[in-house]
Amino acid sequence: MEYNLYSKDSAYPCEVTIDEENGRYMIRKADTSGEIFNSAAELTSWIRSNWKETDFRSKKQYYYLMELLDDYEWEVESGQ
Protein backbone atom coordinates (compact mmCIF):
# COMPACT_ATOMS: atom_id res chain seq x y z
CA MET A 1 0.00 0.00 0.00
CA GLU A 2 1.25 3.44 -0.88
CA TYR A 3 -0.70 6.54 0.04
CA ASN A 4 0.01 10.26 -0.29
CA LEU A 5 -1.63 13.10 1.56
CA TYR A 6 -0.84 16.78 1.54
CA SER A 7 0.29 18.62 4.64
CA LYS A 8 -0.52 22.26 5.23
CA ASP A 9 3.21 22.85 5.79
CA SER A 10 4.75 21.41 2.62
CA ALA A 11 4.52 21.49 -1.15
CA TYR A 12 5.48 17.81 -1.20
CA PRO A 13 3.05 15.14 -0.05
CA CYS A 14 3.51 13.02 3.03
CA GLU A 15 3.83 9.42 1.93
CA VAL A 16 2.95 6.17 3.67
CA THR A 17 4.36 2.87 2.37
CA ILE A 18 3.43 -0.56 3.68
CA ASP A 19 5.03 -3.25 1.52
CA GLU A 20 4.77 -6.65 3.21
CA GLU A 21 6.42 -8.55 0.33
CA ASN A 22 9.63 -6.54 0.57
CA GLY A 23 9.45 -5.70 4.29
CA ARG A 24 9.25 -1.94 3.70
CA TYR A 25 7.36 0.15 6.25
CA MET A 26 8.07 3.86 5.97
CA ILE A 27 6.71 7.35 5.88
CA ARG A 28 7.86 10.66 4.48
CA LYS A 29 6.88 13.55 6.72
CA ALA A 30 5.93 17.13 5.80
CA ASP A 31 9.52 18.31 6.26
CA THR A 32 10.57 15.57 3.74
CA SER A 33 12.46 13.64 6.41
CA GLY A 34 11.37 10.08 6.90
CA GLU A 35 10.82 7.32 9.38
CA ILE A 36 11.47 3.63 8.81
CA PHE A 37 9.72 0.97 10.88
CA ASN A 38 10.19 -2.75 11.50
CA SER A 39 6.50 -3.56 11.06
CA ALA A 40 3.21 -2.18 9.83
CA ALA A 41 2.01 -2.12 13.44
CA GLU A 42 4.86 0.21 14.45
CA LEU A 43 4.16 2.48 11.47
CA THR A 44 0.45 2.63 12.25
CA SER A 45 1.11 3.37 15.91
CA TRP A 46 3.48 6.20 14.98
CA ILE A 47 0.96 7.76 12.59
CA ARG A 48 -1.84 7.60 15.15
CA SER A 49 0.41 9.24 17.77
CA ASN A 50 2.00 11.93 15.60
CA TRP A 51 -0.34 12.95 12.79
CA LYS A 52 -3.62 14.76 13.35
CA GLU A 53 -6.38 15.70 10.92
CA THR A 54 -5.54 19.38 11.36
CA ASP A 55 -2.02 18.79 9.96
CA PHE A 56 -3.37 18.16 6.47
CA ARG A 57 -5.07 20.16 3.75
CA SER A 58 -7.87 17.64 3.45
CA LYS A 59 -9.48 16.03 6.48
CA LYS A 60 -11.10 13.61 4.05
CA GLN A 61 -7.66 12.35 2.92
CA TYR A 62 -6.58 11.93 6.53
CA TYR A 63 -9.69 9.97 7.48
CA TYR A 64 -9.37 7.82 4.37
CA LEU A 65 -5.81 6.93 5.42
CA MET A 66 -7.12 6.00 8.88
CA GLU A 67 -9.72 3.74 7.23
CA LEU A 68 -7.03 2.10 5.10
CA LEU A 69 -4.91 1.46 8.19
CA ASP A 70 -7.93 0.05 10.08
CA ASP A 71 -8.71 -2.26 7.15
CA TYR A 72 -5.08 -3.33 6.90
CA GLU A 73 -4.91 -4.11 10.62
CA TRP A 74 -8.15 -6.10 10.40
CA GLU A 75 -6.79 -8.15 7.47
CA VAL A 76 -3.58 -8.91 9.35
CA GLU A 77 -5.40 -9.86 12.56
CA SER A 78 -7.94 -12.05 10.78
CA GLY A 79 -5.32 -13.66 8.53
CA GLN A 80 -6.91 -12.57 5.27
PDB file of N, CA and C in Angstrom:
ATOM      1  N   MET A   1       0.845  -1.161   0.000  1.00  0.00           N
ATOM      2  CA  MET A   1       0.000   0.000   0.000  1.00  0.00           C
ATOM      3  C   MET A   1       0.898   1.233   0.000  1.00  0.00           C
ATOM      4  N   GLU A   2       0.601   2.141  -0.886  1.00  0.00           N
ATOM      5  CA  GLU A   2       1.254   3.444  -0.885  1.00  0.00           C
ATOM      6  C   GLU A   2       0.163   4.500  -0.905  1.00  0.00           C
ATOM      7  N   TYR A   3       0.323   5.503  -0.051  1.00  0.00           N
ATOM      8  CA  TYR A   3      -0.697   6.539   0.043  1.00  0.00           C
ATOM      9  C   TYR A   3      -0.019   7.884   0.270  1.00  0.00           C
ATOM     10  N   ASN A   4      -0.494   8.895  -0.439  1.00  0.00           N
ATOM     11  CA  ASN A   4       0.010  10.261  -0.291  1.00  0.00           C
ATOM     12  C   ASN A   4      -1.082  11.148   0.262  1.00  0.00           C
ATOM     13  N   LEU A   5      -0.700  12.065   1.130  1.00  0.00           N
ATOM     14  CA  LEU A   5      -1.625  13.097   1.564  1.00  0.00           C
ATOM     15  C   LEU A   5      -0.842  14.383   1.783  1.00  0.00           C
ATOM     16  N   TYR A   6      -1.515  15.487   1.564  1.00  0.00           N
ATOM     17  CA  TYR A   6      -0.842  16.778   1.541  1.00  0.00           C
ATOM     18  C   TYR A   6      -0.960  17.513   2.867  1.00  0.00           C
ATOM     19  N   SER A   7       0.203  17.860   3.404  1.00  0.00           N
ATOM     20  CA  SER A   7       0.286  18.622   4.641  1.00  0.00           C
ATOM     21  C   SER A   7       0.069  20.101   4.351  1.00  0.00           C
ATOM     22  N   LYS A   8      -0.377  20.808   5.350  1.00  0.00           N
ATOM     23  CA  LYS A   8      -0.516  22.262   5.231  1.00  0.00           C
ATOM     24  C   LYS A   8       0.850  22.943   5.172  1.00  0.00           C
ATOM     25  N   ASP A   9       1.889  22.250   5.642  1.00  0.00           N
ATOM     26  CA  ASP A   9       3.213  22.847   5.791  1.00  0.00           C
ATOM     27  C   ASP A   9       4.205  22.528   4.679  1.00  0.00           C
ATOM     28  N   SER A  10       3.785  21.831   3.629  1.00  0.00           N
ATOM     29  CA  SER A  10       4.748  21.407   2.620  1.00  0.00           C
ATOM     30  C   SER A  10       4.131  21.342   1.230  1.00  0.00           C
ATOM     31  N   ALA A  11       4.955  21.625   0.238  1.00  0.00           N
ATOM     32  CA  ALA A  11       4.515  21.489  -1.152  1.00  0.00           C
ATOM     33  C   ALA A  11       4.564  20.027  -1.590  1.00  0.00           C
ATOM     34  N   TYR A  12       5.351  19.226  -0.878  1.00  0.00           N
ATOM     35  CA  TYR A  12       5.482  17.809  -1.200  1.00  0.00           C
ATOM     36  C   TYR A  12       4.544  16.992  -0.315  1.00  0.00           C
ATOM     37  N   PRO A  13       3.981  15.937  -0.857  1.00  0.00           N
ATOM     38  CA  PRO A  13       3.051  15.144  -0.046  1.00  0.00           C
ATOM     39  C   PRO A  13       3.768  14.299   1.002  1.00  0.00           C
ATOM     40  N   CYS A  14       3.074  14.039   2.077  1.00  0.00           N
ATOM     41  CA  CYS A  14       3.510  13.020   3.025  1.00  0.00           C
ATOM     42  C   CYS A  14       3.178  11.685   2.370  1.00  0.00           C
ATOM     43  N   GLU A  15       4.015  10.705   2.594  1.00  0.00           N
ATOM     44  CA  GLU A  15       3.827   9.419   1.927  1.00  0.00           C
ATOM     45  C   GLU A  15       3.893   8.290   2.947  1.00  0.00           C
ATOM     46  N   VAL A  16       2.985   7.345   2.811  1.00  0.00           N
ATOM     47  CA  VAL A  16       2.953   6.167   3.669  1.00  0.00           C
ATOM     48  C   VAL A  16       3.145   4.947   2.779  1.00  0.00           C
ATOM     49  N   THR A  17       4.100   4.088   3.132  1.00  0.00           N
ATOM     50  CA  THR A  17       4.356   2.872   2.367  1.00  0.00           C
ATOM     51  C   THR A  17       4.324   1.676   3.309  1.00  0.00           C
ATOM     52  N   ILE A  18       3.454   0.729   2.992  1.00  0.00           N
ATOM     53  CA  ILE A  18       3.428  -0.561   3.682  1.00  0.00           C
ATOM     54  C   ILE A  18       3.562  -1.613   2.596  1.00  0.00           C
ATOM     55  N   ASP A  19       4.724  -2.257   2.551  1.00  0.00           N
ATOM     56  CA  ASP A  19       5.028  -3.251   1.522  1.00  0.00           C
ATOM     57  C   ASP A  19       5.463  -4.537   2.218  1.00  0.00           C
ATOM     58  N   GLU A  20       4.500  -5.394   2.493  1.00  0.00           N
ATOM     59  CA  GLU A  20       4.773  -6.649   3.206  1.00  0.00           C
ATOM     60  C   GLU A  20       5.747  -7.546   2.446  1.00  0.00           C
ATOM     61  N   GLU A  21       5.587  -7.641   1.130  1.00  0.00           N
ATOM     62  CA  GLU A  21       6.417  -8.546   0.330  1.00  0.00           C
ATOM     63  C   GLU A  21       7.898  -8.231   0.448  1.00  0.00           C
ATOM     64  N   ASN A  22       8.235  -6.957   0.514  1.00  0.00           N
ATOM     65  CA  ASN A  22       9.634  -6.543   0.575  1.00  0.00           C
ATOM     66  C   ASN A  22      10.048  -6.039   1.953  1.00  0.00           C
ATOM     67  N   GLY A  23       9.146  -6.113   2.931  1.00  0.00           N
ATOM     68  CA  GLY A  23       9.455  -5.703   4.292  1.00  0.00           C
ATOM     69  C   GLY A  23       9.751  -4.220   4.428  1.00  0.00           C
ATOM     70  N   ARG A  24       9.034  -3.400   3.661  1.00  0.00           N
ATOM     71  CA  ARG A  24       9.247  -1.945   3.703  1.00  0.00           C
ATOM     72  C   ARG A  24       8.065  -1.279   4.405  1.00  0.00           C
ATOM     73  N   TYR A  25       8.369  -0.565   5.473  1.00  0.00           N
ATOM     74  CA  TYR A  25       7.357   0.153   6.249  1.00  0.00           C
ATOM     75  C   TYR A  25       7.930   1.535   6.535  1.00  0.00           C
ATOM     76  N   MET A  26       7.459   2.544   5.806  1.00  0.00           N
ATOM     77  CA  MET A  26       8.073   3.858   5.966  1.00  0.00           C
ATOM     78  C   MET A  26       7.105   4.987   5.679  1.00  0.00           C
ATOM     79  N   ILE A  27       7.478   6.145   6.171  1.00  0.00           N
ATOM     80  CA  ILE A  27       6.708   7.351   5.882  1.00  0.00           C
ATOM     81  C   ILE A  27       7.673   8.468   5.496  1.00  0.00           C
ATOM     82  N   ARG A  28       7.167   9.395   4.718  1.00  0.00           N
ATOM     83  CA  ARG A  28       7.863  10.663   4.480  1.00  0.00           C
ATOM     84  C   ARG A  28       6.997  11.733   5.119  1.00  0.00           C
ATOM     85  N   LYS A  29       7.610  12.528   5.975  1.00  0.00           N
ATOM     86  CA  LYS A  29       6.878  13.553   6.717  1.00  0.00           C
ATOM     87  C   LYS A  29       6.832  14.861   5.934  1.00  0.00           C
ATOM     88  N   ALA A  30       6.106  15.831   6.455  1.00  0.00           N
ATOM     89  CA  ALA A  30       5.925  17.127   5.800  1.00  0.00           C
ATOM     90  C   ALA A  30       7.254  17.842   5.560  1.00  0.00           C
ATOM     91  N   ASP A  31       8.220  17.649   6.435  1.00  0.00           N
ATOM     92  CA  ASP A  31       9.519  18.309   6.260  1.00  0.00           C
ATOM     93  C   ASP A  31      10.447  17.514   5.338  1.00  0.00           C
ATOM     94  N   THR A  32       9.915  16.498   4.685  1.00  0.00           N
ATOM     95  CA  THR A  32      10.568  15.574   3.740  1.00  0.00           C
ATOM     96  C   THR A  32      11.562  14.630   4.404  1.00  0.00           C
ATOM     97  N   SER A  33      11.683  14.675   5.730  1.00  0.00           N
ATOM     98  CA  SER A  33      12.456  13.642   6.405  1.00  0.00           C
ATOM     99  C   SER A  33      11.586  12.392   6.441  1.00  0.00           C
ATOM    100  N   GLY A  34      12.147  11.308   6.889  1.00  0.00           N
ATOM    101  CA  GLY A  34      11.368  10.083   6.899  1.00  0.00           C
ATOM    102  C   GLY A  34      11.544   9.292   8.171  1.00  0.00           C
ATOM    103  N   GLU A  35      10.742   8.276   8.282  1.00  0.00           N
ATOM    104  CA  GLU A  35      10.819   7.318   9.382  1.00  0.00           C
ATOM    105  C   GLU A  35      10.716   5.935   8.759  1.00  0.00           C
ATOM    106  N   ILE A  36      11.518   5.012   9.263  1.00  0.00           N
ATOM    107  CA  ILE A  36      11.475   3.626   8.809  1.00  0.00           C
ATOM    108  C   ILE A  36      11.113   2.770  10.017  1.00  0.00           C
ATOM    109  N   PHE A  37      10.234   1.800   9.791  1.00  0.00           N
ATOM    110  CA  PHE A  37       9.723   0.971  10.881  1.00  0.00           C
ATOM    111  C   PHE A  37       9.996  -0.500  10.593  1.00  0.00           C
ATOM    112  N   ASN A  38       9.965  -1.312  11.635  1.00  0.00           N
ATOM    113  CA  ASN A  38      10.186  -2.748  11.499  1.00  0.00           C
ATOM    114  C   ASN A  38       8.920  -3.512  11.151  1.00  0.00           C
ATOM    115  N   SER A  39       7.761  -2.873  11.332  1.00  0.00           N
ATOM    116  CA  SER A  39       6.501  -3.555  11.056  1.00  0.00           C
ATOM    117  C   SER A  39       5.419  -2.537  10.728  1.00  0.00           C
ATOM    118  N   ALA A  40       4.363  -3.029  10.130  1.00  0.00           N
ATOM    119  CA  ALA A  40       3.211  -2.178   9.834  1.00  0.00           C
ATOM    120  C   ALA A  40       2.567  -1.689  11.128  1.00  0.00           C
ATOM    121  N   ALA A  41       2.589  -2.516  12.158  1.00  0.00           N
ATOM    122  CA  ALA A  41       2.005  -2.122  13.445  1.00  0.00           C
ATOM    123  C   ALA A  41       2.748  -0.928  14.043  1.00  0.00           C
ATOM    124  N   GLU A  42       4.081  -0.928  13.955  1.00  0.00           N
ATOM    125  CA  GLU A  42       4.864   0.206  14.451  1.00  0.00           C
ATOM    126  C   GLU A  42       4.553   1.468  13.657  1.00  0.00           C
ATOM    127  N   LEU A  43       4.476   1.343  12.335  1.00  0.00           N
ATOM    128  CA  LEU A  43       4.158   2.478  11.472  1.00  0.00           C
ATOM    129  C   LEU A  43       2.793   3.049  11.823  1.00  0.00           C
ATOM    130  N   THR A  44       1.815   2.192  11.936  1.00  0.00           N
ATOM    131  CA  THR A  44       0.454   2.625  12.248  1.00  0.00           C
ATOM    132  C   THR A  44       0.397   3.322  13.602  1.00  0.00           C
ATOM    133  N   SER A  45       1.074   2.774  14.580  1.00  0.00           N
ATOM    134  CA  SER A  45       1.107   3.374  15.911  1.00  0.00           C
ATOM    135  C   SER A  45       1.740   4.765  15.859  1.00  0.00           C
ATOM    136  N   TRP A  46       2.824   4.901  15.108  1.00  0.00           N
ATOM    137  CA  TRP A  46       3.482   6.203  14.983  1.00  0.00           C
ATOM    138  C   TRP A  46       2.547   7.226  14.345  1.00  0.00           C
ATOM    139  N   ILE A  47       1.879   6.841  13.272  1.00  0.00           N
ATOM    140  CA  ILE A  47       0.959   7.755  12.587  1.00  0.00           C
ATOM    141  C   ILE A  47      -0.145   8.201  13.539  1.00  0.00           C
ATOM    142  N   ARG A  48      -0.736   7.264  14.242  1.00  0.00           N
ATOM    143  CA  ARG A  48      -1.836   7.604  15.153  1.00  0.00           C
ATOM    144  C   ARG A  48      -1.373   8.518  16.293  1.00  0.00           C
ATOM    145  N   SER A  49      -0.121   8.409  16.686  1.00  0.00           N
ATOM    146  CA  SER A  49       0.409   9.241  17.771  1.00  0.00           C
ATOM    147  C   SER A  49       0.894  10.612  17.307  1.00  0.00           C
ATOM    148  N   ASN A  50       1.317  10.721  16.048  1.00  0.00           N
ATOM    149  CA  ASN A  50       1.998  11.935  15.603  1.00  0.00           C
ATOM    150  C   ASN A  50       1.273  12.770  14.561  1.00  0.00           C
ATOM    151  N   TRP A  51       0.383  12.193  13.820  1.00  0.00           N
ATOM    152  CA  TRP A  51      -0.341  12.950  12.795  1.00  0.00           C
ATOM    153  C   TRP A  51      -1.771  13.185  13.247  1.00  0.00           C
ATOM    154  N   LYS A  52      -2.247  14.386  13.018  1.00  0.00           N
ATOM    155  CA  LYS A  52      -3.624  14.763  13.352  1.00  0.00           C
ATOM    156  C   LYS A  52      -4.307  15.301  12.109  1.00  0.00           C
ATOM    157  N   GLU A  53      -5.612  15.233  12.081  1.00  0.00           N
ATOM    158  CA  GLU A  53      -6.377  15.700  10.919  1.00  0.00           C
ATOM    159  C   GLU A  53      -6.077  17.155  10.579  1.00  0.00           C
ATOM    160  N   THR A  54      -5.793  17.959  11.588  1.00  0.00           N
ATOM    161  CA  THR A  54      -5.542  19.385  11.359  1.00  0.00           C
ATOM    162  C   THR A  54      -4.182  19.660  10.712  1.00  0.00           C
ATOM    163  N   ASP A  55      -3.327  18.637  10.605  1.00  0.00           N
ATOM    164  CA  ASP A  55      -2.023  18.794   9.957  1.00  0.00           C
ATOM    165  C   ASP A  55      -2.127  18.814   8.438  1.00  0.00           C
ATOM    166  N   PHE A  56      -3.261  18.398   7.907  1.00  0.00           N
ATOM    167  CA  PHE A  56      -3.369  18.163   6.470  1.00  0.00           C
ATOM    168  C   PHE A  56      -4.388  19.078   5.806  1.00  0.00           C
ATOM    169  N   ARG A  57      -4.177  19.294   4.523  1.00  0.00           N
ATOM    170  CA  ARG A  57      -5.066  20.161   3.748  1.00  0.00           C
ATOM    171  C   ARG A  57      -6.477  19.597   3.665  1.00  0.00           C
ATOM    172  N   SER A  58      -6.566  18.283   3.603  1.00  0.00           N
ATOM    173  CA  SER A  58      -7.870  17.638   3.454  1.00  0.00           C
ATOM    174  C   SER A  58      -8.117  16.665   4.606  1.00  0.00           C
ATOM    175  N   LYS A  59      -9.110  16.963   5.419  1.00  0.00           N
ATOM    176  CA  LYS A  59      -9.480  16.028   6.482  1.00  0.00           C
ATOM    177  C   LYS A  59      -9.960  14.714   5.880  1.00  0.00           C
ATOM    178  N   LYS A  60     -10.593  14.802   4.724  1.00  0.00           N
ATOM    179  CA  LYS A  60     -11.099  13.607   4.050  1.00  0.00           C
ATOM    180  C   LYS A  60      -9.949  12.650   3.709  1.00  0.00           C
ATOM    181  N   GLN A  61      -8.827  13.187   3.217  1.00  0.00           N
ATOM    182  CA  GLN A  61      -7.661  12.349   2.918  1.00  0.00           C
ATOM    183  C   GLN A  61      -7.127  11.688   4.184  1.00  0.00           C
ATOM    184  N   TYR A  62      -7.070  12.457   5.260  1.00  0.00           N
ATOM    185  CA  TYR A  62      -6.576  11.928   6.526  1.00  0.00           C
ATOM    186  C   TYR A  62      -7.466  10.786   7.016  1.00  0.00           C
ATOM    187  N   TYR A  63      -8.776  11.009   7.012  1.00  0.00           N
ATOM    188  CA  TYR A  63      -9.694   9.970   7.483  1.00  0.00           C
ATOM    189  C   TYR A  63      -9.681   8.746   6.573  1.00  0.00           C
ATOM    190  N   TYR A  64      -9.468   8.957   5.276  1.00  0.00           N
ATOM    191  CA  TYR A  64      -9.369   7.818   4.368  1.00  0.00           C
ATOM    192  C   TYR A  64      -8.125   6.993   4.705  1.00  0.00           C
ATOM    193  N   LEU A  65      -7.009   7.658   5.007  1.00  0.00           N
ATOM    194  CA  LEU A  65      -5.810   6.933   5.424  1.00  0.00           C
ATOM    195  C   LEU A  65      -6.095   6.128   6.685  1.00  0.00           C
ATOM    196  N   MET A  66      -6.789   6.718   7.652  1.00  0.00           N
ATOM    197  CA  MET A  66      -7.117   5.997   8.882  1.00  0.00           C
ATOM    198  C   MET A  66      -7.969   4.762   8.579  1.00  0.00           C
ATOM    199  N   GLU A  67      -8.909   4.889   7.639  1.00  0.00           N
ATOM    200  CA  GLU A  67      -9.723   3.738   7.230  1.00  0.00           C
ATOM    201  C   GLU A  67      -8.857   2.662   6.593  1.00  0.00           C
ATOM    202  N   LEU A  68      -7.931   3.066   5.725  1.00  0.00           N
ATOM    203  CA  LEU A  68      -7.031   2.100   5.098  1.00  0.00           C
ATOM    204  C   LEU A  68      -6.207   1.359   6.147  1.00  0.00           C
ATOM    205  N   LEU A  69      -5.702   2.095   7.129  1.00  0.00           N
ATOM    206  CA  LEU A  69      -4.915   1.464   8.187  1.00  0.00           C
ATOM    207  C   LEU A  69      -5.773   0.528   9.034  1.00  0.00           C
ATOM    208  N   ASP A  70      -7.005   0.930   9.342  1.00  0.00           N
ATOM    209  CA  ASP A  70      -7.927   0.054  10.077  1.00  0.00           C
ATOM    210  C   ASP A  70      -8.187  -1.228   9.296  1.00  0.00           C
ATOM    211  N   ASP A  71      -8.460  -1.093   7.998  1.00  0.00           N
ATOM    212  CA  ASP A  71      -8.712  -2.260   7.151  1.00  0.00           C
ATOM    213  C   ASP A  71      -7.489  -3.164   7.091  1.00  0.00           C
ATOM    214  N   TYR A  72      -6.320  -2.563   6.967  1.00  0.00           N
ATOM    215  CA  TYR A  72      -5.084  -3.334   6.901  1.00  0.00           C
ATOM    216  C   TYR A  72      -4.872  -4.109   8.203  1.00  0.00           C
ATOM    217  N   GLU A  73      -5.062  -3.438   9.328  1.00  0.00           N
ATOM    218  CA  GLU A  73      -4.909  -4.110  10.623  1.00  0.00           C
ATOM    219  C   GLU A  73      -5.898  -5.254  10.767  1.00  0.00           C
ATOM    220  N   TRP A  74      -7.136  -5.049  10.319  1.00  0.00           N
ATOM    221  CA  TRP A  74      -8.148  -6.097  10.402  1.00  0.00           C
ATOM    222  C   TRP A  74      -7.733  -7.303   9.558  1.00  0.00           C
ATOM    223  N   GLU A  75      -7.225  -7.055   8.346  1.00  0.00           N
ATOM    224  CA  GLU A  75      -6.794  -8.149   7.473  1.00  0.00           C
ATOM    225  C   GLU A  75      -5.661  -8.941   8.107  1.00  0.00           C
ATOM    226  N   VAL A  76      -4.712  -8.243   8.715  1.00  0.00           N
ATOM    227  CA  VAL A  76      -3.582  -8.912   9.351  1.00  0.00           C
ATOM    228  C   VAL A  76      -4.058  -9.737  10.541  1.00  0.00           C
ATOM    229  N   GLU A  77      -4.912  -9.156  11.373  1.00  0.00           N
ATOM    230  CA  GLU A  77      -5.401  -9.855  12.561  1.00  0.00           C
ATOM    231  C   GLU A  77      -6.261 -11.060  12.213  1.00  0.00           C
ATOM    232  N   SER A  78      -7.042 -10.949  11.143  1.00  0.00           N
ATOM    233  CA  SER A  78      -7.938 -12.046  10.776  1.00  0.00           C
ATOM    234  C   SER A  78      -7.272 -13.044   9.829  1.00  0.00           C
ATOM    235  N   GLY A  79      -6.044 -12.741   9.397  1.00  0.00           N
ATOM    236  CA  GLY A  79      -5.321 -13.658   8.529  1.00  0.00           C
ATOM    237  C   GLY A  79      -5.784 -13.665   7.089  1.00  0.00           C
ATOM    238  N   GLN A  80      -6.414 -12.604   6.649  1.00  0.00           N
ATOM    239  CA  GLN A  80      -6.912 -12.571   5.265  1.00  0.00           C
ATOM    240  C   GLN A  80      -5.971 -11.881   4.335  1.00  0.00           C
TER     241      GLN A  80
END
